[in-house]
Amino acid sequence: MNDVNEQTGGNPFPLLAAADLQDHLMTATNDLDRLQALLAHSCDELMQSFYGCHEQVRALMDVPAAEAGIDRDYQALIQQLGRQLGGAVTALQFQDMASQLINHTHQRLRSCADQIARVAMGDDEDGEMIVSEAPLRPNPVTQDEMDAGSITLF
């Protein structure tokens, strides 16, 4: 054990292993950034499509059945379609929860990478190395399901 500490300058964490681990952690944070961008783009496209469909269905629902010349079965189908679209838009709210989880994980990984760098390389002549703070809470999102109801999109 003393031989390892002498070879690593008294540091129990080999510099090469620390640099490699830090690279892997930073790669993971970059992957999370890309995942968040893809998720945001996909959800934006879906929301625009669903809003367009929802508005068209809402317009059909506002026209009295007698005035539109449609029967009750057709009107019931339009009402059901409106409820289904509302449920689909509500389900898209998962993007907000997923973004919070991705950001939380990103911060935790970044903090680990910074701490590894500090332990492996130590502080320099400019002062103490800055370490990103780890999130205080273990989980930023406690909700694990979506229920139909009012729609609030972010």
N, C-alpha and C. Protein backbone atom coordinates (compact mmCIF):
# COMPACT_ATOMS: atom_id res chain seq x y z
N MET A 1 0.82 -1.19 0.00
CA MET A 1 0.00 0.00 0.00
C MET A 1 0.87 1.25 0.00
N ASN A 2 1.93 1.25 0.78
CA ASN A 2 2.82 2.40 0.81
C ASN A 2 3.50 2.61 -0.53
N ASP A 3 3.81 1.49 -1.24
CA ASP A 3 4.40 1.61 -2.56
C ASP A 3 3.46 2.35 -3.51
N VAL A 4 2.16 2.03 -3.42
CA VAL A 4 1.18 2.69 -4.28
C VAL A 4 1.11 4.17 -3.95
N ASN A 5 1.08 4.49 -2.66
CA ASN A 5 1.03 5.90 -2.26
C ASN A 5 2.28 6.65 -2.70
N GLU A 6 3.45 6.00 -2.63
CA GLU A 6 4.68 6.66 -3.07
C GLU A 6 4.68 6.86 -4.58
N GLN A 7 4.15 5.88 -5.32
CA GLN A 7 4.13 5.99 -6.78
C GLN A 7 3.14 7.05 -7.25
N THR A 8 2.10 7.27 -6.46
CA THR A 8 1.08 8.24 -6.87
C THR A 8 1.21 9.55 -6.12
N GLY A 9 2.39 9.77 -5.52
CA GLY A 9 2.63 11.03 -4.83
C GLY A 9 1.82 11.16 -3.55
N GLY A 10 1.57 10.03 -2.86
CA GLY A 10 0.79 10.07 -1.64
C GLY A 10 -0.70 10.04 -1.88
N ASN A 11 -1.10 10.00 -3.13
CA ASN A 11 -2.50 9.98 -3.49
C ASN A 11 -2.93 8.52 -3.67
N PRO A 12 -3.94 8.07 -2.93
CA PRO A 12 -4.36 6.68 -3.03
C PRO A 12 -5.09 6.36 -4.34
N PHE A 13 -5.43 7.37 -5.10
CA PHE A 13 -6.18 7.18 -6.34
C PHE A 13 -5.25 7.43 -7.52
N PRO A 14 -4.89 6.39 -8.28
CA PRO A 14 -3.96 6.59 -9.40
C PRO A 14 -4.49 7.63 -10.39
N LEU A 15 -3.61 8.50 -10.83
CA LEU A 15 -3.98 9.60 -11.71
C LEU A 15 -4.61 9.12 -13.00
N LEU A 16 -4.04 8.08 -13.61
CA LEU A 16 -4.57 7.57 -14.87
C LEU A 16 -5.98 7.02 -14.69
N ALA A 17 -6.19 6.28 -13.61
CA ALA A 17 -7.52 5.74 -13.34
C ALA A 17 -8.52 6.86 -13.08
N ALA A 18 -8.09 7.88 -12.35
CA ALA A 18 -8.96 9.01 -12.07
C ALA A 18 -9.33 9.75 -13.35
N ALA A 19 -8.36 9.98 -14.21
CA ALA A 19 -8.63 10.68 -15.47
C ALA A 19 -9.58 9.87 -16.34
N ASP A 20 -9.38 8.55 -16.37
CA ASP A 20 -10.24 7.68 -17.17
C ASP A 20 -11.67 7.70 -16.63
N LEU A 21 -11.81 7.59 -15.32
CA LEU A 21 -13.13 7.62 -14.69
C LEU A 21 -13.81 8.96 -14.91
N GLN A 22 -13.03 10.03 -14.78
CA GLN A 22 -13.59 11.36 -15.01
C GLN A 22 -14.07 11.49 -16.45
N ASP A 23 -13.29 10.99 -17.41
CA ASP A 23 -13.72 11.03 -18.82
C ASP A 23 -15.03 10.28 -19.02
N HIS A 24 -15.16 9.12 -18.39
CA HIS A 24 -16.40 8.35 -18.52
C HIS A 24 -17.59 9.10 -17.93
N LEU A 25 -17.39 9.73 -16.79
CA LEU A 25 -18.46 10.50 -16.17
C LEU A 25 -18.85 11.70 -17.04
N MET A 26 -17.87 12.37 -17.59
CA MET A 26 -18.17 13.52 -18.46
C MET A 26 -18.86 13.07 -19.75
N THR A 27 -18.47 11.92 -20.28
CA THR A 27 -19.15 11.37 -21.46
C THR A 27 -20.61 11.07 -21.13
N ALA A 28 -20.84 10.53 -19.94
CA ALA A 28 -22.22 10.26 -19.52
C ALA A 28 -23.03 11.55 -19.40
N THR A 29 -22.42 12.61 -18.87
CA THR A 29 -23.15 13.88 -18.77
C THR A 29 -23.45 14.45 -20.15
N ASN A 30 -22.51 14.30 -21.08
CA ASN A 30 -22.75 14.76 -22.46
C ASN A 30 -23.87 13.96 -23.11
N ASP A 31 -23.90 12.64 -22.85
CA ASP A 31 -24.98 11.81 -23.38
C ASP A 31 -26.33 12.25 -22.80
N LEU A 32 -26.35 12.59 -21.52
CA LEU A 32 -27.59 13.07 -20.90
C LEU A 32 -28.03 14.39 -21.53
N ASP A 33 -27.09 15.26 -21.84
CA ASP A 33 -27.43 16.52 -22.51
C ASP A 33 -28.07 16.26 -23.87
N ARG A 34 -27.48 15.34 -24.63
CA ARG A 34 -28.06 14.99 -25.94
C ARG A 34 -29.43 14.36 -25.79
N LEU A 35 -29.58 13.47 -24.81
CA LEU A 35 -30.88 12.84 -24.56
C LEU A 35 -31.93 13.89 -24.22
N GLN A 36 -31.57 14.85 -23.39
CA GLN A 36 -32.52 15.89 -23.03
C GLN A 36 -32.91 16.73 -24.25
N ALA A 37 -31.96 17.04 -25.11
CA ALA A 37 -32.27 17.81 -26.32
C ALA A 37 -33.20 17.02 -27.25
N LEU A 38 -32.92 15.74 -27.42
CA LEU A 38 -33.78 14.90 -28.26
C LEU A 38 -35.19 14.79 -27.69
N LEU A 39 -35.27 14.59 -26.40
CA LEU A 39 -36.56 14.48 -25.73
C LEU A 39 -37.34 15.78 -25.85
N ALA A 40 -36.69 16.89 -25.65
CA ALA A 40 -37.36 18.19 -25.76
C ALA A 40 -37.87 18.43 -27.17
N HIS A 41 -37.04 18.14 -28.17
CA HIS A 41 -37.46 18.34 -29.56
C HIS A 41 -38.66 17.44 -29.90
N SER A 42 -38.58 16.19 -29.52
CA SER A 42 -39.67 15.25 -29.80
C SER A 42 -40.96 15.68 -29.13
N CYS A 43 -40.87 16.08 -27.88
CA CYS A 43 -42.07 16.50 -27.16
C CYS A 43 -42.64 17.80 -27.73
N ASP A 44 -41.79 18.71 -28.16
CA ASP A 44 -42.27 19.94 -28.79
C ASP A 44 -43.07 19.62 -30.06
N GLU A 45 -42.54 18.73 -30.87
CA GLU A 45 -43.24 18.34 -32.10
C GLU A 45 -44.58 17.67 -31.79
N LEU A 46 -44.56 16.75 -30.82
CA LEU A 46 -45.79 16.07 -30.43
C LEU A 46 -46.82 17.05 -29.88
N MET A 47 -46.38 17.98 -29.04
CA MET A 47 -47.31 18.95 -28.47
C MET A 47 -47.95 19.82 -29.55
N GLN A 48 -47.16 20.26 -30.51
CA GLN A 48 -47.72 21.07 -31.59
C GLN A 48 -48.77 20.29 -32.36
N SER A 49 -48.47 19.03 -32.67
CA SER A 49 -49.44 18.19 -33.39
C SER A 49 -50.70 17.96 -32.57
N PHE A 50 -50.52 17.63 -31.30
CA PHE A 50 -51.68 17.38 -30.45
C PHE A 50 -52.50 18.64 -30.24
N TYR A 51 -51.85 19.78 -30.08
CA TYR A 51 -52.60 21.02 -29.94
C TYR A 51 -53.43 21.30 -31.19
N GLY A 52 -52.84 21.07 -32.36
CA GLY A 52 -53.59 21.27 -33.60
C GLY A 52 -54.79 20.36 -33.68
N CYS A 53 -54.60 19.10 -33.38
CA CYS A 53 -55.71 18.13 -33.39
C CYS A 53 -56.75 18.50 -32.34
N HIS A 54 -56.29 18.87 -31.17
CA HIS A 54 -57.20 19.20 -30.08
C HIS A 54 -58.05 20.41 -30.44
N GLU A 55 -57.45 21.40 -31.05
CA GLU A 55 -58.21 22.59 -31.46
C GLU A 55 -59.25 22.25 -32.53
N GLN A 56 -58.89 21.38 -33.46
CA GLN A 56 -59.86 20.99 -34.49
C GLN A 56 -61.02 20.22 -33.89
N VAL A 57 -60.72 19.31 -32.98
CA VAL A 57 -61.78 18.54 -32.31
C VAL A 57 -62.63 19.49 -31.47
N ARG A 58 -62.00 20.42 -30.76
CA ARG A 58 -62.75 21.39 -29.94
C ARG A 58 -63.70 22.20 -30.82
N ALA A 59 -63.26 22.60 -32.01
CA ALA A 59 -64.12 23.35 -32.92
C ALA A 59 -65.30 22.48 -33.37
N LEU A 60 -65.05 21.21 -33.65
CA LEU A 60 -66.14 20.30 -34.03
C LEU A 60 -67.11 20.11 -32.87
N MET A 61 -66.59 20.04 -31.65
CA MET A 61 -67.45 19.83 -30.48
C MET A 61 -68.32 21.05 -30.20
N ASP A 62 -67.86 22.23 -30.58
CA ASP A 62 -68.61 23.46 -30.31
C ASP A 62 -69.75 23.68 -31.29
N VAL A 63 -69.72 22.99 -32.42
CA VAL A 63 -70.80 23.14 -33.41
C VAL A 63 -71.95 22.24 -32.97
N PRO A 64 -73.16 22.81 -32.81
CA PRO A 64 -74.30 21.97 -32.44
C PRO A 64 -74.53 20.87 -33.47
N ALA A 65 -74.87 19.68 -32.99
CA ALA A 65 -75.01 18.51 -33.87
C ALA A 65 -76.06 18.75 -34.95
N ALA A 66 -77.18 19.37 -34.58
CA ALA A 66 -78.25 19.60 -35.57
C ALA A 66 -77.78 20.55 -36.66
N GLU A 67 -77.01 21.57 -36.26
CA GLU A 67 -76.52 22.56 -37.22
C GLU A 67 -75.50 21.94 -38.19
N ALA A 68 -74.69 21.03 -37.68
CA ALA A 68 -73.66 20.40 -38.51
C ALA A 68 -74.23 19.25 -39.34
N GLY A 69 -75.46 18.85 -39.05
CA GLY A 69 -76.07 17.75 -39.78
C GLY A 69 -75.45 16.40 -39.43
N ILE A 70 -75.02 16.24 -38.19
CA ILE A 70 -74.42 14.98 -37.78
C ILE A 70 -75.30 14.32 -36.73
N ASP A 71 -75.23 13.00 -36.66
CA ASP A 71 -76.05 12.28 -35.69
C ASP A 71 -75.35 12.15 -34.34
N ARG A 72 -76.07 11.59 -33.38
CA ARG A 72 -75.54 11.48 -32.00
C ARG A 72 -74.33 10.56 -31.93
N ASP A 73 -74.32 9.50 -32.71
CA ASP A 73 -73.17 8.58 -32.68
C ASP A 73 -71.89 9.30 -33.12
N TYR A 74 -72.02 10.10 -34.17
CA TYR A 74 -70.86 10.84 -34.66
C TYR A 74 -70.40 11.86 -33.62
N GLN A 75 -71.37 12.53 -32.99
CA GLN A 75 -71.04 13.52 -31.94
C GLN A 75 -70.35 12.82 -30.77
N ALA A 76 -70.79 11.62 -30.40
CA ALA A 76 -70.17 10.87 -29.30
C ALA A 76 -68.74 10.50 -29.66
N LEU A 77 -68.51 10.15 -30.92
CA LEU A 77 -67.14 9.83 -31.36
C LEU A 77 -66.23 11.05 -31.26
N ILE A 78 -66.76 12.20 -31.63
CA ILE A 78 -65.97 13.43 -31.53
C ILE A 78 -65.64 13.72 -30.07
N GLN A 79 -66.62 13.55 -29.17
CA GLN A 79 -66.38 13.76 -27.74
C GLN A 79 -65.31 12.80 -27.22
N GLN A 80 -65.38 11.53 -27.62
CA GLN A 80 -64.39 10.53 -27.19
C GLN A 80 -63.01 10.89 -27.73
N LEU A 81 -62.92 11.32 -28.98
CA LEU A 81 -61.65 11.74 -29.56
C LEU A 81 -61.06 12.91 -28.78
N GLY A 82 -61.91 13.86 -28.39
CA GLY A 82 -61.45 14.99 -27.60
C GLY A 82 -60.86 14.55 -26.27
N ARG A 83 -61.52 13.59 -25.60
CA ARG A 83 -60.99 13.08 -24.32
C ARG A 83 -59.67 12.35 -24.53
N GLN A 84 -59.56 11.58 -25.61
CA GLN A 84 -58.32 10.85 -25.88
C GLN A 84 -57.17 11.80 -26.18
N LEU A 85 -57.44 12.84 -26.95
CA LEU A 85 -56.39 13.83 -27.23
C LEU A 85 -55.97 14.55 -25.96
N GLY A 86 -56.93 14.87 -25.10
CA GLY A 86 -56.60 15.51 -23.83
C GLY A 86 -55.71 14.61 -22.98
N GLY A 87 -56.00 13.31 -22.97
CA GLY A 87 -55.17 12.36 -22.24
C GLY A 87 -53.77 12.25 -22.83
N ALA A 88 -53.68 12.30 -24.15
CA ALA A 88 -52.37 12.22 -24.81
C ALA A 88 -51.52 13.44 -24.49
N VAL A 89 -52.12 14.61 -24.48
CA VAL A 89 -51.37 15.83 -24.16
C VAL A 89 -50.93 15.79 -22.69
N THR A 90 -51.80 15.30 -21.82
CA THR A 90 -51.42 15.17 -20.41
C THR A 90 -50.23 14.23 -20.27
N ALA A 91 -50.22 13.15 -21.03
CA ALA A 91 -49.11 12.20 -20.96
C ALA A 91 -47.80 12.84 -21.40
N LEU A 92 -47.87 13.85 -22.25
CA LEU A 92 -46.66 14.53 -22.68
C LEU A 92 -45.99 15.32 -21.55
N GLN A 93 -46.69 15.51 -20.47
CA GLN A 93 -46.08 16.22 -19.34
C GLN A 93 -44.92 15.43 -18.74
N PHE A 94 -44.82 14.16 -19.10
CA PHE A 94 -43.69 13.38 -18.58
C PHE A 94 -42.37 14.00 -18.98
N GLN A 95 -42.35 14.79 -20.06
CA GLN A 95 -41.10 15.42 -20.50
C GLN A 95 -40.55 16.32 -19.42
N ASP A 96 -41.42 17.02 -18.71
CA ASP A 96 -40.95 17.89 -17.64
C ASP A 96 -40.30 17.06 -16.53
N MET A 97 -40.95 15.97 -16.15
CA MET A 97 -40.39 15.11 -15.11
C MET A 97 -39.08 14.48 -15.58
N ALA A 98 -39.06 14.00 -16.82
CA ALA A 98 -37.85 13.38 -17.36
C ALA A 98 -36.70 14.39 -17.41
N SER A 99 -36.99 15.63 -17.79
CA SER A 99 -35.96 16.67 -17.82
C SER A 99 -35.38 16.94 -16.44
N GLN A 100 -36.25 16.95 -15.43
CA GLN A 100 -35.77 17.15 -14.07
C GLN A 100 -34.85 16.01 -13.64
N LEU A 101 -35.23 14.78 -13.98
CA LEU A 101 -34.40 13.62 -13.62
C LEU A 101 -33.06 13.65 -14.36
N ILE A 102 -33.10 13.99 -15.64
CA ILE A 102 -31.86 14.06 -16.43
C ILE A 102 -30.95 15.14 -15.86
N ASN A 103 -31.49 16.31 -15.55
CA ASN A 103 -30.69 17.40 -15.00
C ASN A 103 -30.11 17.02 -13.64
N HIS A 104 -30.90 16.37 -12.82
CA HIS A 104 -30.45 15.92 -11.50
C HIS A 104 -29.28 14.94 -11.64
N THR A 105 -29.42 13.98 -12.54
CA THR A 105 -28.37 12.98 -12.76
C THR A 105 -27.12 13.65 -13.33
N HIS A 106 -27.32 14.60 -14.23
CA HIS A 106 -26.20 15.35 -14.82
C HIS A 106 -25.41 16.05 -13.72
N GLN A 107 -26.10 16.73 -12.81
CA GLN A 107 -25.43 17.44 -11.73
C GLN A 107 -24.67 16.48 -10.82
N ARG A 108 -25.27 15.35 -10.52
CA ARG A 108 -24.63 14.36 -9.64
C ARG A 108 -23.36 13.81 -10.30
N LEU A 109 -23.44 13.46 -11.59
CA LEU A 109 -22.27 12.94 -12.30
C LEU A 109 -21.17 13.99 -12.39
N ARG A 110 -21.56 15.23 -12.66
CA ARG A 110 -20.57 16.32 -12.76
C ARG A 110 -19.85 16.52 -11.43
N SER A 111 -20.61 16.46 -10.35
CA SER A 111 -20.01 16.60 -9.02
C SER A 111 -19.03 15.46 -8.75
N CYS A 112 -19.41 14.24 -9.13
CA CYS A 112 -18.50 13.09 -8.94
C CYS A 112 -17.22 13.28 -9.75
N ALA A 113 -17.36 13.73 -11.00
CA ALA A 113 -16.18 13.94 -11.85
C ALA A 113 -15.27 15.02 -11.25
N ASP A 114 -15.86 16.09 -10.73
CA ASP A 114 -15.07 17.16 -10.12
C ASP A 114 -14.36 16.67 -8.85
N GLN A 115 -15.05 15.88 -8.06
CA GLN A 115 -14.45 15.36 -6.83
C GLN A 115 -13.30 14.42 -7.14
N ILE A 116 -13.46 13.60 -8.16
CA ILE A 116 -12.38 12.70 -8.57
C ILE A 116 -11.17 13.50 -9.01
N ALA A 117 -11.42 14.55 -9.79
CA ALA A 117 -10.31 15.40 -10.25
C ALA A 117 -9.60 16.05 -9.06
N ARG A 118 -10.37 16.50 -8.10
CA ARG A 118 -9.76 17.15 -6.93
C ARG A 118 -8.91 16.16 -6.14
N VAL A 119 -9.41 14.93 -5.93
CA VAL A 119 -8.67 13.93 -5.17
C VAL A 119 -7.43 13.49 -5.93
N ALA A 120 -7.58 13.29 -7.24
CA ALA A 120 -6.47 12.77 -8.04
C ALA A 120 -5.40 13.82 -8.32
N MET A 121 -5.84 15.05 -8.59
CA MET A 121 -4.88 16.07 -9.01
C MET A 121 -4.60 17.12 -7.95
N GLY A 122 -5.49 17.23 -6.99
CA GLY A 122 -5.28 18.20 -5.92
C GLY A 122 -5.48 19.63 -6.39
N ASP A 123 -5.31 20.54 -5.48
CA ASP A 123 -5.43 21.96 -5.79
C ASP A 123 -4.15 22.44 -6.46
N ASP A 124 -4.24 23.53 -7.19
CA ASP A 124 -3.04 24.07 -7.84
C ASP A 124 -2.63 25.38 -7.17
N GLU A 125 -1.66 26.04 -7.76
CA GLU A 125 -1.14 27.27 -7.14
C GLU A 125 -2.16 28.41 -7.14
N ASP A 126 -3.19 28.31 -8.00
CA ASP A 126 -4.23 29.36 -8.03
C ASP A 126 -5.24 29.21 -6.90
N GLY A 127 -5.21 28.10 -6.22
CA GLY A 127 -6.13 27.91 -5.10
C GLY A 127 -6.86 26.59 -5.19
N GLU A 128 -7.91 26.53 -4.43
CA GLU A 128 -8.69 25.31 -4.32
C GLU A 128 -9.50 25.07 -5.59
N MET A 129 -9.52 23.80 -6.04
CA MET A 129 -10.27 23.42 -7.23
C MET A 129 -11.77 23.55 -6.95
N ILE A 130 -12.50 24.07 -7.90
CA ILE A 130 -13.94 24.24 -7.75
C ILE A 130 -14.62 22.90 -8.05
N VAL A 131 -15.46 22.47 -7.13
CA VAL A 131 -16.21 21.23 -7.29
C VAL A 131 -17.69 21.57 -7.37
N SER A 132 -18.35 21.11 -8.44
CA SER A 132 -19.79 21.33 -8.57
C SER A 132 -20.50 20.65 -7.41
N GLU A 133 -21.47 21.34 -6.86
CA GLU A 133 -22.23 20.78 -5.75
C GLU A 133 -23.15 19.67 -6.24
N ALA A 134 -23.21 18.59 -5.49
CA ALA A 134 -24.16 17.51 -5.79
C ALA A 134 -25.55 17.96 -5.36
N PRO A 135 -26.58 17.49 -6.03
CA PRO A 135 -27.95 17.84 -5.61
C PRO A 135 -28.18 17.40 -4.17
N LEU A 136 -28.92 18.19 -3.44
CA LEU A 136 -29.19 17.88 -2.04
C LEU A 136 -30.21 16.76 -1.88
N ARG A 137 -31.21 16.76 -2.76
CA ARG A 137 -32.26 15.74 -2.67
C ARG A 137 -31.85 14.52 -3.49
N PRO A 138 -32.21 13.33 -3.01
CA PRO A 138 -31.87 12.13 -3.78
C PRO A 138 -32.68 11.99 -5.06
N ASN A 139 -33.88 12.58 -5.11
CA ASN A 139 -34.74 12.44 -6.27
C ASN A 139 -35.56 13.71 -6.43
N PRO A 140 -35.43 14.41 -7.56
CA PRO A 140 -36.16 15.67 -7.72
C PRO A 140 -37.63 15.47 -8.08
N VAL A 141 -37.99 14.28 -8.54
CA VAL A 141 -39.35 14.01 -8.99
C VAL A 141 -39.90 12.86 -8.17
N THR A 142 -40.99 13.11 -7.45
CA THR A 142 -41.58 12.05 -6.66
C THR A 142 -42.76 11.41 -7.38
N GLN A 143 -43.27 12.08 -8.37
CA GLN A 143 -44.40 11.54 -9.12
C GLN A 143 -43.90 10.47 -10.08
N ASP A 144 -44.62 9.34 -10.15
CA ASP A 144 -44.19 8.28 -11.05
C ASP A 144 -45.29 7.85 -12.00
N GLU A 145 -46.39 8.62 -12.06
CA GLU A 145 -47.45 8.32 -13.01
C GLU A 145 -48.18 9.60 -13.37
N MET A 146 -48.91 9.54 -14.48
CA MET A 146 -49.67 10.69 -14.94
C MET A 146 -51.14 10.33 -14.89
N ASP A 147 -51.96 11.23 -14.38
CA ASP A 147 -53.40 11.03 -14.35
C ASP A 147 -54.06 12.02 -15.28
N ALA A 148 -55.18 11.60 -15.86
CA ALA A 148 -55.94 12.51 -16.69
C ALA A 148 -56.51 13.61 -15.82
N GLY A 149 -56.69 14.75 -16.39
CA GLY A 149 -57.21 15.89 -15.64
C GLY A 149 -56.90 17.15 -16.39
N SER A 150 -56.73 18.22 -15.65
CA SER A 150 -56.42 19.46 -16.31
C SER A 150 -55.05 19.38 -16.95
N ILE A 151 -54.90 20.09 -18.04
CA ILE A 151 -53.65 20.02 -18.80
C ILE A 151 -52.87 21.31 -18.54
N THR A 152 -51.68 21.14 -18.02
CA THR A 152 -50.77 22.25 -17.81
C THR A 152 -49.45 21.88 -18.43
N LEU A 153 -49.11 22.53 -19.52
CA LEU A 153 -47.87 22.21 -20.19
C LEU A 153 -46.86 23.30 -19.93
N PHE A 154 -45.59 22.90 -19.88
CA PHE A 154 -44.50 23.81 -19.55
C PHE A 154 -43.76 24.23 -20.78
